[in-house]
Amino acid sequence: MARKSRKETVVLPAPEMDTTCRAGVYVRLSVEDKHTHTVSIETQQLIIARYLEQNPEIIVVQTYIDNGATGTNFHRPGFQQMLSDIEAGLINCVIVKDLSRLGRNVIDTGYYIERYFPMQKVRFIAVNDRYDSSSPDNAHDGIIIPLRNMINEAYAMDIARKIKAQQRQAMKDGKYVGGRTPYGYLKAPDDCHQLIVDPVAAEVVKTMFQWAAEGAGLNTIAVRLNEAGYLSPSHYKRTLGEITHENLVGNGHWQTRTVAKILRAEVYTGDLVQGVSKIIDHKQVRASADEWTTVRGTHEAIISRELFAAVQKALDQAAQQAKDREIHSWSPNLLRGKIFCAHCGRSLHRQKCIRRKSQEVYVYHCISNNRIKRGVCPGAFIFEKELLDALADMIQEQLDTTLGQYSLGLENLSKEAEEQKNIQAKIASRKQEIQQLRTYQRGLYEGLIQNHLSKDEYFTFKEKYEAKIEAISGEIEQLKAGLAIIAKQLEQYKMLSQDAQHIKEDRQLTAALIDRLIDRVEVSREKRITVRFRFQSEFEHCEEVLRQCRNM
């Protein structure tokens, strides 16, 4: 809080308004600009620092940096944080090196400069463009600013077009433009656009094509590779250092889709086929065949074109046979995405068994031994009807137990209403506390203007108040969660009661009921069923949150 002057004889004039220029410095560097020294982060900060030396009345409160962020949109962390600080009243001035650092989108950049900043009473300064919204000299820049924004947007679009044109030309020249190389190839040490054969993986590719030419199916090839102990492409590339992130390495097993992708790739014949996908509305979609760029003989082949053609013919025939196969109607899979093998953790496969003399039946079984390799899993097998009957009993038992425990807590509803009032009172009290702290914050600015506080004192007190406000805001959110939980508890009890009654009257489980009550089902070889219910621990969690609210 601001300190009063000890000199009783001096009367300080009361300020009419807060005229302190509390600035936020904004710097941005896009990917395209990273090789240009004139727009580097350091250069932008240096130019702004020189400007601030000539304008000592401006106090820099915060610097916001977006490194590697495009200027064509405003979804940038630094920029969004700056907007939050503007709306919180922490800064009332924004300084950039030039207009292009703010953005290269005509409409949005114009909105912030001409509408948003004036509405928030924020002074905007673009140093190199010699623009200052508070200067009378810029009163007639209503035409110049949009024009400069149009130039900046055109520049961004031109850069994007040039990059795409350069990439397309590289494809036409037979240069590989992908990030990671196809399995079986490496990048040449002296040319990252040239593919060379990886002698280790190439042997695996040759074997795969040979098996396919001999009539082996995709699943058969995947199982053989797993049984032979060959590393899957992602795990192999991790050993080479090409892949480092755990999310990109998969489970380590060969899959049929991976086998199919390799067997369909012309790259192994020494030809490059690129541009098979494109970006539309920020989404990657497959391009039509006439948009692909194909260049023959760009690198050493691993297999012959004749072998490749033979494999394509075999794959096409297998695909056609699958299409021609008679399709039987299936009943809905009530446990889709929820039933797993208790041993290997993989999803259990649902299969329809057609019987001539009796009604068709459905079974769930683990197919890891057929899809990965023999002996990888003990296996699990269970008839669907047997499983659903067991689940109905288990759901009934768990609902009775949970509802019985919770009903004890509903005996005194007046106590719950009183608890709700107490939480509401705590929220109101903390909101008043935040309001008082914000008043103190505004007093800091006055104290700084009137030289009652030094800059160091100002920032010290400011950080303390901000920390207190943040802590109290967190408590308010926790108390609000407590209020929501009180209402949710009763509603949850009613819904579970209805579900329990439904199962008692009709043991037929539905997909909606299973989705609402069950999170995961595991079946073992011995047909032991383990269920993780979605409601099992919800009431315990609610009670824990309410206990925390009572202690606040």
Protein backbone atom coordinates (compact mmCIF):
# COMPACT_ATOMS: atom_id res chain seq x y z
CA MET A 1 0.00 0.00 0.00
CA ALA A 2 1.25 3.54 -0.72
CA ARG A 3 3.04 5.31 2.18
CA LYS A 4 2.05 8.87 3.19
CA SER A 5 4.62 11.65 3.09
CA ARG A 6 6.12 12.66 6.40
CA LYS A 7 6.38 16.33 5.30
CA GLU A 8 3.19 17.87 6.63
CA THR A 9 3.84 21.20 4.88
CA VAL A 10 3.89 19.71 1.37
CA VAL A 11 0.51 19.24 -0.29
CA LEU A 12 0.66 16.83 -3.23
CA PRO A 13 -1.93 17.45 -5.97
CA ALA A 14 -4.34 14.55 -6.40
CA PRO A 15 -3.87 13.00 -9.84
CA GLU A 16 -6.84 13.30 -12.16
CA MET A 17 -6.14 9.89 -13.67
CA ASP A 18 -3.49 7.18 -13.86
CA THR A 19 -1.09 8.60 -16.47
CA THR A 20 1.75 6.16 -15.84
CA CYS A 21 2.70 4.32 -19.00
CA ARG A 22 2.99 0.69 -17.88
CA ALA A 23 4.29 -1.07 -20.95
CA GLY A 24 4.33 -4.61 -22.17
CA VAL A 25 7.09 -5.31 -24.72
CA TYR A 26 5.99 -7.83 -27.35
CA VAL A 27 8.50 -9.63 -29.58
CA ARG A 28 7.77 -12.42 -32.07
CA LEU A 29 9.94 -14.57 -34.30
CA SER A 30 8.39 -16.89 -36.88
CA VAL A 31 10.02 -20.04 -38.28
CA GLU A 32 10.67 -18.27 -41.60
CA ASP A 33 12.43 -15.38 -39.82
CA LYS A 34 14.84 -17.51 -37.79
CA HIS A 35 17.63 -17.19 -40.33
CA THR A 36 17.24 -13.40 -40.58
CA HIS A 37 19.36 -11.45 -38.10
CA THR A 38 17.39 -8.21 -38.49
CA VAL A 39 14.26 -9.67 -36.86
CA SER A 40 15.85 -11.93 -34.23
CA ILE A 41 14.52 -11.81 -30.67
CA GLU A 42 17.67 -10.07 -29.46
CA THR A 43 17.56 -7.47 -32.25
CA GLN A 44 13.91 -6.64 -31.56
CA GLN A 45 14.62 -6.20 -27.85
CA LEU A 46 17.66 -4.02 -28.59
CA ILE A 47 15.68 -1.68 -30.87
CA ILE A 48 12.92 -1.33 -28.26
CA ALA A 49 15.49 -0.79 -25.47
CA ARG A 50 17.05 2.13 -27.40
CA TYR A 51 13.58 3.63 -27.86
CA LEU A 52 12.89 3.31 -24.11
CA GLU A 53 16.15 5.11 -23.29
CA GLN A 54 14.77 8.12 -25.16
CA ASN A 55 11.38 7.81 -23.42
CA PRO A 56 12.12 7.28 -19.70
CA GLU A 57 8.50 7.97 -18.72
CA ILE A 58 7.59 4.48 -19.99
CA ILE A 59 7.91 1.73 -17.37
CA VAL A 60 8.30 -1.81 -18.71
CA VAL A 61 6.19 -4.18 -16.61
CA GLN A 62 6.57 -7.36 -18.65
CA THR A 63 8.13 -8.74 -21.85
CA TYR A 64 6.12 -11.23 -23.89
CA ILE A 65 7.96 -13.52 -26.32
CA ASP A 66 6.55 -15.83 -28.99
CA ASN A 67 9.48 -17.71 -30.54
CA GLY A 68 8.69 -19.71 -33.67
CA ALA A 69 5.08 -18.42 -33.89
CA THR A 70 3.45 -17.45 -37.18
CA GLY A 71 2.06 -13.95 -37.60
CA THR A 72 -0.94 -15.09 -39.65
CA ASN A 73 -3.01 -15.87 -36.53
CA PHE A 74 -3.07 -14.74 -32.90
CA HIS A 75 -3.20 -18.11 -31.12
CA ARG A 76 0.17 -17.48 -29.49
CA PRO A 77 0.91 -18.04 -25.77
CA GLY A 78 2.83 -14.80 -25.28
CA PHE A 79 0.25 -12.68 -27.09
CA GLN A 80 -2.66 -14.27 -25.22
CA GLN A 81 -0.90 -13.65 -21.89
CA MET A 82 -0.41 -10.01 -22.89
CA LEU A 83 -4.16 -9.67 -23.57
CA SER A 84 -4.92 -11.17 -20.14
CA ASP A 85 -2.60 -8.65 -18.46
CA ILE A 86 -4.22 -5.79 -20.40
CA GLU A 87 -7.68 -6.82 -19.22
CA ALA A 88 -6.36 -7.21 -15.65
CA GLY A 89 -5.10 -3.62 -15.76
CA LEU A 90 -1.45 -4.55 -15.34
CA ILE A 91 -0.29 -2.83 -18.55
CA ASN A 92 -1.73 0.06 -20.57
CA CYS A 93 0.86 0.24 -23.35
CA VAL A 94 2.13 -2.24 -25.95
CA ILE A 95 5.46 -1.78 -27.73
CA VAL A 96 6.63 -3.75 -30.78
CA LYS A 97 9.55 -3.38 -33.15
CA ASP A 98 7.21 -2.91 -36.13
CA LEU A 99 3.65 -3.75 -37.17
CA SER A 100 4.65 -7.10 -38.68
CA ARG A 101 5.72 -8.35 -35.22
CA LEU A 102 2.19 -7.82 -33.94
CA GLY A 103 0.75 -9.82 -36.84
CA ARG A 104 0.56 -10.32 -40.59
CA ASN A 105 -3.20 -10.80 -40.84
CA VAL A 106 -4.91 -7.64 -42.17
CA ILE A 107 -8.30 -8.06 -40.49
CA ASP A 108 -7.16 -9.24 -37.04
CA THR A 109 -4.16 -6.91 -36.80
CA GLY A 110 -6.37 -3.97 -37.79
CA TYR A 111 -8.90 -5.00 -35.16
CA TYR A 112 -6.34 -4.90 -32.33
CA ILE A 113 -4.78 -1.60 -33.42
CA GLU A 114 -7.96 0.29 -34.35
CA ARG A 115 -10.56 -1.26 -32.01
CA TYR A 116 -9.25 -3.40 -29.16
CA PHE A 117 -6.35 -1.23 -27.93
CA PRO A 118 -8.36 2.06 -28.00
CA MET A 119 -11.30 0.34 -26.27
CA GLN A 120 -8.94 -0.86 -23.49
CA LYS A 121 -7.27 2.59 -23.38
CA VAL A 122 -3.97 0.98 -24.38
CA ARG A 123 -1.27 3.00 -26.06
CA PHE A 124 0.28 1.18 -29.02
CA ILE A 125 3.82 1.88 -30.27
CA ALA A 126 5.52 0.39 -33.35
CA VAL A 127 9.09 1.70 -33.12
CA ASN A 128 10.48 1.22 -36.63
CA ASP A 129 7.19 2.32 -38.23
CA ARG A 130 7.30 5.47 -36.07
CA TYR A 131 3.76 4.89 -34.98
CA ASP A 132 2.48 5.97 -31.57
CA SER A 133 -1.28 5.92 -31.03
CA SER A 134 -0.99 8.69 -28.41
CA SER A 135 0.82 11.06 -30.78
CA PRO A 136 -1.23 13.70 -32.66
CA ASP A 137 1.12 13.14 -35.62
CA ASN A 138 -0.48 9.70 -36.15
CA ALA A 139 -4.05 11.00 -36.28
CA HIS A 140 -4.23 10.48 -40.04
CA ASP A 141 -2.74 6.96 -40.11
CA GLY A 142 -6.18 5.40 -40.59
CA ILE A 143 -5.18 4.70 -44.21
CA ILE A 144 -1.46 3.98 -43.74
CA ILE A 145 -1.86 1.35 -40.99
CA PRO A 146 -4.27 -0.91 -42.96
CA LEU A 147 -2.02 -0.54 -45.99
CA ARG A 148 1.02 -1.66 -44.02
CA ASN A 149 -0.96 -4.55 -42.58
CA MET A 150 -1.95 -5.61 -46.10
CA ILE A 151 1.72 -5.52 -47.12
CA ASN A 152 2.68 -7.65 -44.10
CA GLU A 153 -0.04 -10.21 -44.85
CA ALA A 154 0.96 -10.32 -48.50
CA TYR A 155 4.56 -10.91 -47.40
CA ALA A 156 3.50 -13.86 -45.19
CA MET A 157 1.45 -15.36 -48.01
CA ASP A 158 4.31 -14.84 -50.45
CA ILE A 159 6.74 -16.62 -48.11
CA ALA A 160 4.34 -19.55 -47.78
CA ARG A 161 3.92 -19.76 -51.56
CA LYS A 162 7.66 -19.66 -52.11
CA ILE A 163 8.25 -22.45 -49.59
CA LYS A 164 5.60 -24.64 -51.22
CA ALA A 165 6.92 -23.87 -54.72
CA GLN A 166 10.46 -24.69 -53.62
CA GLN A 167 9.26 -27.96 -52.10
CA ARG A 168 7.35 -28.92 -55.25
CA GLN A 169 10.38 -28.17 -57.39
CA ALA A 170 12.56 -30.31 -55.12
CA MET A 171 10.06 -33.17 -55.57
CA LYS A 172 10.20 -32.78 -59.37
CA ASP A 173 13.99 -32.83 -59.19
CA GLY A 174 13.83 -36.22 -57.47
CA LYS A 175 14.88 -34.95 -54.05
CA TYR A 176 13.44 -36.58 -50.96
CA VAL A 177 11.67 -33.87 -48.90
CA GLY A 178 10.29 -35.97 -46.03
CA GLY A 179 11.41 -35.72 -42.42
CA ARG A 180 12.08 -39.38 -41.62
CA THR A 181 13.19 -41.84 -44.28
CA PRO A 182 11.13 -44.89 -45.26
CA TYR A 183 12.03 -48.12 -43.45
CA GLY A 184 14.96 -49.64 -45.36
CA TYR A 185 16.59 -46.33 -46.28
CA LEU A 186 18.81 -43.69 -44.69
CA LYS A 187 19.70 -40.14 -45.71
CA ALA A 188 23.06 -39.66 -47.40
CA PRO A 189 25.59 -38.04 -45.01
CA ASP A 190 26.41 -35.27 -47.51
CA ASP A 191 22.85 -34.72 -48.86
CA CYS A 192 19.72 -34.90 -46.70
CA HIS A 193 17.55 -35.08 -49.85
CA GLN A 194 19.22 -38.27 -51.15
CA LEU A 195 18.14 -41.75 -50.02
CA ILE A 196 20.70 -44.53 -49.58
CA VAL A 197 20.04 -48.18 -48.70
CA ASP A 198 20.12 -49.22 -45.04
CA PRO A 199 21.75 -52.67 -45.34
CA VAL A 200 20.12 -54.01 -42.14
CA ALA A 201 16.50 -52.97 -42.74
CA ALA A 202 16.73 -53.58 -46.50
CA GLU A 203 17.13 -57.32 -45.89
CA VAL A 204 13.90 -57.33 -43.89
CA VAL A 205 12.10 -55.48 -46.71
CA LYS A 206 13.33 -58.02 -49.26
CA THR A 207 12.11 -60.88 -47.08
CA MET A 208 8.67 -59.28 -46.70
CA PHE A 209 8.22 -58.87 -50.46
CA GLN A 210 9.40 -62.42 -51.07
CA TRP A 211 6.88 -63.83 -48.57
CA ALA A 212 4.10 -61.74 -50.10
CA ALA A 213 4.98 -62.96 -53.61
CA GLU A 214 4.78 -66.54 -52.33
CA GLY A 215 1.19 -65.94 -51.19
CA ALA A 216 1.61 -65.08 -47.51
CA GLY A 217 -1.08 -62.72 -46.20
CA LEU A 218 -0.47 -59.50 -44.28
CA ASN A 219 -1.21 -61.09 -40.90
CA THR A 220 1.01 -64.09 -41.66
CA ILE A 221 3.92 -61.79 -42.56
CA ALA A 222 3.42 -59.71 -39.38
CA VAL A 223 3.45 -62.85 -37.20
CA ARG A 224 6.58 -64.21 -38.93
CA LEU A 225 8.41 -60.91 -38.39
CA ASN A 226 7.47 -60.85 -34.70
CA GLU A 227 8.46 -64.48 -34.20
CA ALA A 228 11.78 -63.85 -35.96
CA GLY A 229 12.47 -61.00 -33.53
CA TYR A 230 12.79 -58.19 -36.09
CA LEU A 231 12.34 -54.75 -34.56
CA SER A 232 9.30 -52.86 -35.80
CA PRO A 233 10.13 -49.78 -37.95
CA SER A 234 9.55 -47.26 -35.16
CA HIS A 235 11.63 -49.17 -32.63
CA TYR A 236 14.38 -49.75 -35.18
CA LYS A 237 14.52 -46.03 -36.02
CA ARG A 238 14.71 -45.23 -32.33
CA THR A 239 17.93 -47.26 -32.17
CA LEU A 240 19.25 -45.05 -34.98
CA GLY A 241 18.23 -41.87 -33.16
CA GLU A 242 15.69 -40.85 -35.82
CA ILE A 243 12.80 -41.19 -33.35
CA THR A 244 13.16 -39.98 -29.76
CA HIS A 245 9.64 -39.31 -28.48
CA GLU A 246 7.97 -42.22 -26.67
CA ASN A 247 4.57 -41.47 -28.25
CA LEU A 248 5.97 -42.29 -31.71
CA VAL A 249 7.46 -45.73 -31.07
CA GLY A 250 4.32 -47.87 -30.62
CA ASN A 251 4.18 -51.19 -28.76
CA GLY A 252 7.12 -52.78 -30.57
CA HIS A 253 5.12 -55.36 -32.54
CA TRP A 254 4.69 -55.56 -36.29
CA GLN A 255 1.11 -54.76 -37.33
CA THR A 256 -0.74 -55.69 -40.52
CA ARG A 257 -1.20 -52.02 -41.44
CA THR A 258 2.58 -51.47 -41.17
CA VAL A 259 3.23 -54.48 -43.41
CA ALA A 260 0.64 -53.24 -45.94
CA LYS A 261 2.17 -49.75 -46.02
CA ILE A 262 5.61 -51.15 -46.83
CA LEU A 263 4.35 -53.60 -49.47
CA ARG A 264 2.45 -50.79 -51.23
CA ALA A 265 5.37 -48.32 -51.30
CA GLU A 266 7.00 -47.78 -54.73
CA VAL A 267 10.02 -46.22 -53.04
CA TYR A 268 11.57 -49.71 -52.76
CA THR A 269 11.79 -49.93 -56.57
CA GLY A 270 14.08 -46.88 -56.68
CA ASP A 271 11.27 -44.45 -57.55
CA LEU A 272 10.08 -41.49 -55.49
CA VAL A 273 6.34 -40.83 -55.17
CA GLN A 274 5.74 -37.70 -53.11
CA GLY A 275 2.97 -35.20 -52.47
CA VAL A 276 0.43 -37.93 -51.71
CA SER A 277 -1.06 -35.78 -48.95
CA LYS A 278 -1.79 -32.08 -48.58
CA ILE A 279 -2.99 -29.60 -45.96
CA ILE A 280 -6.52 -28.24 -46.25
CA ASP A 281 -7.94 -26.07 -43.41
CA HIS A 282 -5.02 -27.11 -41.18
CA LYS A 283 -5.85 -30.81 -41.71
CA GLN A 284 -3.78 -33.37 -43.58
CA VAL A 285 -5.83 -35.11 -46.28
CA ARG A 286 -4.91 -37.52 -49.09
CA ALA A 287 -4.28 -35.86 -52.45
CA SER A 288 -5.69 -37.27 -55.68
CA ALA A 289 -3.33 -39.43 -57.78
CA ASP A 290 -2.95 -36.74 -60.46
CA GLU A 291 -1.45 -34.41 -57.83
CA TRP A 292 1.33 -36.83 -56.87
CA THR A 293 4.89 -36.19 -58.03
CA THR A 294 6.58 -39.35 -59.33
CA VAL A 295 10.24 -39.45 -60.41
CA ARG A 296 11.83 -42.70 -61.59
CA GLY A 297 15.27 -43.98 -60.66
CA THR A 298 16.15 -41.42 -57.99
CA HIS A 299 17.94 -43.86 -55.67
CA GLU A 300 19.11 -47.46 -55.35
CA ALA A 301 16.29 -50.00 -55.47
CA ILE A 302 15.83 -52.69 -52.83
CA ILE A 303 13.52 -54.88 -54.93
CA SER A 304 12.84 -55.18 -58.65
CA ARG A 305 9.87 -53.57 -60.34
CA GLU A 306 8.75 -57.03 -61.46
CA LEU A 307 8.61 -58.31 -57.87
CA PHE A 308 6.76 -55.17 -56.78
CA ALA A 309 4.17 -55.63 -59.56
CA ALA A 310 3.65 -59.27 -58.58
CA VAL A 311 3.07 -58.34 -54.95
CA GLN A 312 0.59 -55.59 -55.91
CA LYS A 313 -1.37 -58.12 -57.96
CA ALA A 314 -1.49 -60.55 -55.02
CA LEU A 315 -2.61 -57.80 -52.61
CA ASP A 316 -5.32 -56.61 -55.01
CA GLN A 317 -6.64 -60.16 -55.41
CA ALA A 318 -6.77 -60.65 -51.63
CA ALA A 319 -8.59 -57.34 -51.20
CA GLN A 320 -11.13 -58.27 -53.87
CA GLN A 321 -11.77 -61.66 -52.26
CA ALA A 322 -12.45 -59.90 -48.96
CA LYS A 323 -14.97 -57.60 -50.66
CA ASP A 324 -16.70 -60.51 -52.38
CA ARG A 325 -17.02 -62.48 -49.17
CA GLU A 326 -20.60 -62.79 -47.88
CA ILE A 327 -21.30 -60.30 -45.14
CA HIS A 328 -23.51 -61.47 -42.25
CA SER A 329 -25.42 -59.04 -40.07
CA TRP A 330 -24.04 -58.59 -36.56
CA SER A 331 -25.77 -57.58 -33.36
CA PRO A 332 -24.42 -54.45 -31.59
CA ASN A 333 -21.19 -54.89 -29.63
CA LEU A 334 -22.20 -53.63 -26.18
CA LEU A 335 -18.64 -53.85 -24.81
CA ARG A 336 -16.81 -52.11 -27.66
CA GLY A 337 -13.62 -50.51 -26.35
CA LYS A 338 -14.17 -51.80 -22.81
CA ILE A 339 -13.19 -55.49 -22.80
CA PHE A 340 -9.56 -56.62 -22.59
CA CYS A 341 -7.39 -59.67 -22.03
CA ALA A 342 -6.29 -59.91 -18.39
CA HIS A 343 -2.90 -61.30 -19.46
CA CYS A 344 -1.58 -59.21 -22.37
CA GLY A 345 -3.88 -56.20 -21.97
CA ARG A 346 -4.98 -56.16 -25.61
CA SER A 347 -8.62 -55.80 -26.67
CA LEU A 348 -10.60 -59.01 -26.88
CA HIS A 349 -11.87 -59.78 -30.36
CA ARG A 350 -15.63 -60.35 -30.77
CA GLN A 351 -16.42 -63.17 -33.18
CA LYS A 352 -19.67 -64.53 -34.56
CA CYS A 353 -20.07 -68.31 -34.62
CA ILE A 354 -22.69 -69.56 -37.07
CA ARG A 355 -24.28 -72.90 -36.20
CA ARG A 356 -26.39 -74.97 -38.57
CA LYS A 357 -28.73 -76.56 -36.04
CA SER A 358 -28.91 -73.86 -33.39
CA GLN A 359 -28.91 -70.11 -33.02
CA GLU A 360 -25.71 -68.21 -33.79
CA VAL A 361 -23.56 -67.19 -30.81
CA TYR A 362 -20.93 -64.55 -30.14
CA VAL A 363 -17.64 -65.07 -28.31
CA TYR A 364 -14.82 -62.85 -27.06
CA HIS A 365 -11.28 -64.16 -27.35
CA CYS A 366 -7.70 -62.87 -27.36
CA ILE A 367 -6.02 -62.95 -30.78
CA SER A 368 -2.51 -61.94 -29.71
CA ASN A 369 -1.16 -65.41 -30.56
CA ASN A 370 -2.58 -65.09 -34.07
CA ARG A 371 -1.71 -61.44 -34.67
CA ILE A 372 1.63 -61.03 -32.89
CA LYS A 373 3.32 -64.42 -32.37
CA ARG A 374 2.61 -67.81 -30.88
CA GLY A 375 3.05 -68.07 -27.10
CA VAL A 376 2.94 -64.33 -26.48
CA CYS A 377 -0.24 -64.66 -24.35
CA PRO A 378 -1.97 -67.48 -22.43
CA GLY A 379 -5.18 -66.41 -24.14
CA ALA A 380 -8.74 -65.75 -22.96
CA PHE A 381 -12.09 -67.04 -24.23
CA ILE A 382 -15.68 -66.47 -23.08
CA PHE A 383 -19.18 -66.61 -24.58
CA GLU A 384 -20.82 -63.18 -24.80
CA LYS A 385 -24.06 -64.32 -23.11
CA GLU A 386 -22.11 -65.83 -20.22
CA LEU A 387 -20.16 -62.62 -19.83
CA LEU A 388 -23.21 -60.31 -19.93
CA ASP A 389 -25.05 -62.42 -17.35
CA ALA A 390 -22.05 -62.24 -15.02
CA LEU A 391 -21.75 -58.48 -15.55
CA ALA A 392 -25.42 -57.94 -14.67
CA ASP A 393 -24.86 -59.73 -11.33
CA MET A 394 -21.67 -57.79 -10.62
CA ILE A 395 -23.28 -54.43 -11.46
CA GLN A 396 -26.29 -55.23 -9.24
CA GLU A 397 -24.06 -56.17 -6.31
CA GLN A 398 -21.82 -53.13 -6.65
CA LEU A 399 -24.76 -50.73 -7.00
CA ASP A 400 -26.44 -52.14 -3.88
CA THR A 401 -23.21 -51.73 -1.90
CA THR A 402 -22.49 -48.20 -3.11
CA LEU A 403 -26.06 -46.94 -2.74
CA GLY A 404 -26.32 -48.47 0.72
CA GLN A 405 -23.20 -46.64 1.89
CA TYR A 406 -24.26 -43.33 0.37
CA SER A 407 -27.84 -43.44 1.65
CA LEU A 408 -26.43 -43.14 5.18
CA GLY A 409 -25.09 -39.72 4.24
CA LEU A 410 -28.48 -38.54 2.96
CA GLU A 411 -30.36 -39.04 6.20
CA ASN A 412 -29.78 -35.45 7.32
CA LEU A 413 -30.50 -33.23 4.31
CA SER A 414 -30.74 -30.11 6.51
CA LYS A 415 -27.08 -30.60 7.43
CA GLU A 416 -26.19 -30.72 3.73
CA ALA A 417 -28.14 -27.49 3.11
CA GLU A 418 -26.29 -25.82 5.99
CA GLU A 419 -22.97 -26.96 4.53
CA GLN A 420 -23.97 -25.42 1.20
CA LYS A 421 -24.67 -22.05 2.91
CA ASN A 422 -21.29 -22.16 4.67
CA ILE A 423 -19.44 -22.71 1.40
CA GLN A 424 -21.34 -19.85 -0.29
CA ALA A 425 -20.39 -17.54 2.60
CA LYS A 426 -16.72 -18.52 2.26
CA ILE A 427 -16.81 -17.75 -1.48
CA ALA A 428 -18.35 -14.30 -0.88
CA SER A 429 -15.73 -13.52 1.78
CA ARG A 430 -12.83 -14.43 -0.50
CA LYS A 431 -14.22 -12.40 -3.38
CA GLN A 432 -14.28 -9.35 -1.10
CA GLU A 433 -10.70 -10.10 -0.10
CA ILE A 434 -9.63 -10.17 -3.79
CA GLN A 435 -11.44 -6.86 -4.39
CA GLN A 436 -9.54 -5.29 -1.49
CA LEU A 437 -6.20 -6.58 -2.83
CA ARG A 438 -6.93 -5.11 -6.27
CA THR A 439 -7.61 -1.77 -4.56
CA TYR A 440 -4.20 -2.03 -2.90
CA GLN A 441 -2.67 -2.77 -6.31
CA ARG A 442 -4.10 0.44 -7.76
CA GLY A 443 -2.73 2.28 -4.75
CA LEU A 444 0.75 0.99 -5.65
CA TYR A 445 0.57 2.78 -9.01
CA GLU A 446 -0.36 6.04 -7.27
CA GLY A 447 2.48 5.58 -4.81
CA LEU A 448 4.91 5.05 -7.68
CA ILE A 449 3.65 8.15 -9.53
CA GLN A 450 3.95 10.34 -6.42
CA ASN A 451 7.46 8.96 -5.66
CA HIS A 452 6.30 7.40 -2.37
CA LEU A 453 7.55 4.03 -3.64
CA SER A 454 10.70 3.12 -5.51
CA LYS A 455 10.52 0.84 -8.53
CA ASP A 456 11.93 -2.06 -6.49
CA GLU A 457 9.33 -1.55 -3.76
CA TYR A 458 6.58 -1.27 -6.36
CA PHE A 459 7.45 -4.59 -8.00
CA THR A 460 7.97 -6.33 -4.63
CA PHE A 461 4.52 -5.33 -3.35
CA LYS A 462 2.97 -6.02 -6.76
CA GLU A 463 4.28 -9.61 -6.81
CA LYS A 464 3.02 -10.22 -3.24
CA TYR A 465 -0.48 -8.99 -4.07
CA GLU A 466 -0.58 -11.03 -7.29
CA ALA A 467 0.50 -14.17 -5.41
CA LYS A 468 -2.23 -13.62 -2.79
CA ILE A 469 -4.88 -13.02 -5.46
CA GLU A 470 -3.83 -16.18 -7.29
CA ALA A 471 -3.94 -18.26 -4.09
CA ILE A 472 -7.36 -16.93 -3.07
CA SER A 473 -8.71 -17.47 -6.61
CA GLY A 474 -7.62 -21.10 -6.33
CA GLU A 475 -9.52 -21.43 -3.04
CA ILE A 476 -12.64 -19.95 -4.65
CA GLU A 477 -12.47 -22.48 -7.47
CA GLN A 478 -12.11 -25.29 -4.92
CA LEU A 479 -15.11 -24.01 -2.95
CA LYS A 480 -17.17 -23.75 -6.14
CA ALA A 481 -16.23 -27.36 -6.89
CA GLY A 482 -17.55 -28.27 -3.45
CA LEU A 483 -20.89 -26.60 -4.22
CA ALA A 484 -21.13 -28.44 -7.52
CA ILE A 485 -20.35 -31.74 -5.80
CA ILE A 486 -23.13 -31.32 -3.25
CA ALA A 487 -25.63 -30.99 -6.11
CA LYS A 488 -23.95 -33.75 -8.09
CA GLN A 489 -24.06 -36.22 -5.20
CA LEU A 490 -27.83 -36.20 -4.93
CA GLU A 491 -28.28 -36.35 -8.71
CA GLN A 492 -25.81 -39.22 -8.95
CA TYR A 493 -27.65 -41.12 -6.23
CA LYS A 494 -30.96 -40.75 -8.10
CA MET A 495 -29.45 -41.95 -11.40
CA LEU A 496 -27.75 -44.97 -9.84
CA SER A 497 -30.98 -45.87 -8.04
CA GLN A 498 -32.78 -45.86 -11.38
CA ASP A 499 -30.08 -48.06 -12.92
CA ALA A 500 -30.29 -50.52 -10.03
CA GLN A 501 -34.06 -50.71 -10.39
CA HIS A 502 -33.75 -51.25 -14.15
CA ILE A 503 -31.40 -54.23 -13.68
CA LYS A 504 -33.69 -55.77 -11.06
CA GLU A 505 -36.72 -55.54 -13.36
CA ASP A 506 -34.95 -56.31 -16.63
CA ARG A 507 -31.51 -57.95 -16.61
CA GLN A 508 -30.98 -56.96 -20.25
CA LEU A 509 -27.92 -54.70 -20.36
CA THR A 510 -27.78 -51.83 -22.87
CA ALA A 511 -24.83 -50.04 -24.44
CA ALA A 512 -25.83 -46.77 -22.69
CA LEU A 513 -26.05 -48.47 -19.29
CA ILE A 514 -22.68 -50.21 -19.71
CA ASP A 515 -21.03 -47.00 -20.89
CA ARG A 516 -22.40 -45.11 -17.88
CA LEU A 517 -21.43 -47.67 -15.25
CA ILE A 518 -18.39 -49.61 -16.52
CA ASP A 519 -14.94 -48.30 -17.35
CA ARG A 520 -13.06 -51.54 -18.11
CA VAL A 521 -13.64 -55.32 -18.13
CA GLU A 522 -10.82 -57.90 -18.07
CA VAL A 523 -11.22 -61.63 -18.72
CA SER A 524 -8.56 -64.23 -17.88
CA ARG A 525 -7.88 -67.69 -19.29
CA GLU A 526 -9.72 -69.16 -16.31
CA LYS A 527 -12.73 -66.92 -17.17
CA ARG A 528 -12.14 -64.80 -14.10
CA ILE A 529 -13.88 -61.44 -14.74
CA THR A 530 -12.54 -58.21 -13.27
CA VAL A 531 -14.58 -55.01 -13.60
CA ARG A 532 -13.54 -51.40 -12.97
CA PHE A 533 -16.72 -49.42 -12.32
CA ARG A 534 -16.99 -45.75 -13.15
CA PHE A 535 -19.06 -44.90 -10.05
CA GLN A 536 -17.13 -46.97 -7.51
CA SER A 537 -14.85 -44.19 -6.22
CA GLU A 538 -16.89 -41.13 -7.17
CA PHE A 539 -18.58 -40.75 -3.79
CA GLU A 540 -15.25 -41.18 -1.98
CA HIS A 541 -13.79 -38.39 -4.12
CA CYS A 542 -16.78 -36.14 -3.41
CA GLU A 543 -16.41 -36.64 0.33
CA GLU A 544 -12.70 -35.80 0.13
CA VAL A 545 -13.40 -32.51 -1.70
CA LEU A 546 -16.10 -31.55 0.83
CA ARG A 547 -13.73 -32.35 3.69
CA GLN A 548 -11.18 -29.94 2.19
CA CYS A 549 -13.88 -27.24 1.83
CA ARG A 550 -14.81 -27.59 5.51
CA ASN A 551 -11.18 -27.03 6.54
CA MET A 552 -10.71 -23.89 4.43
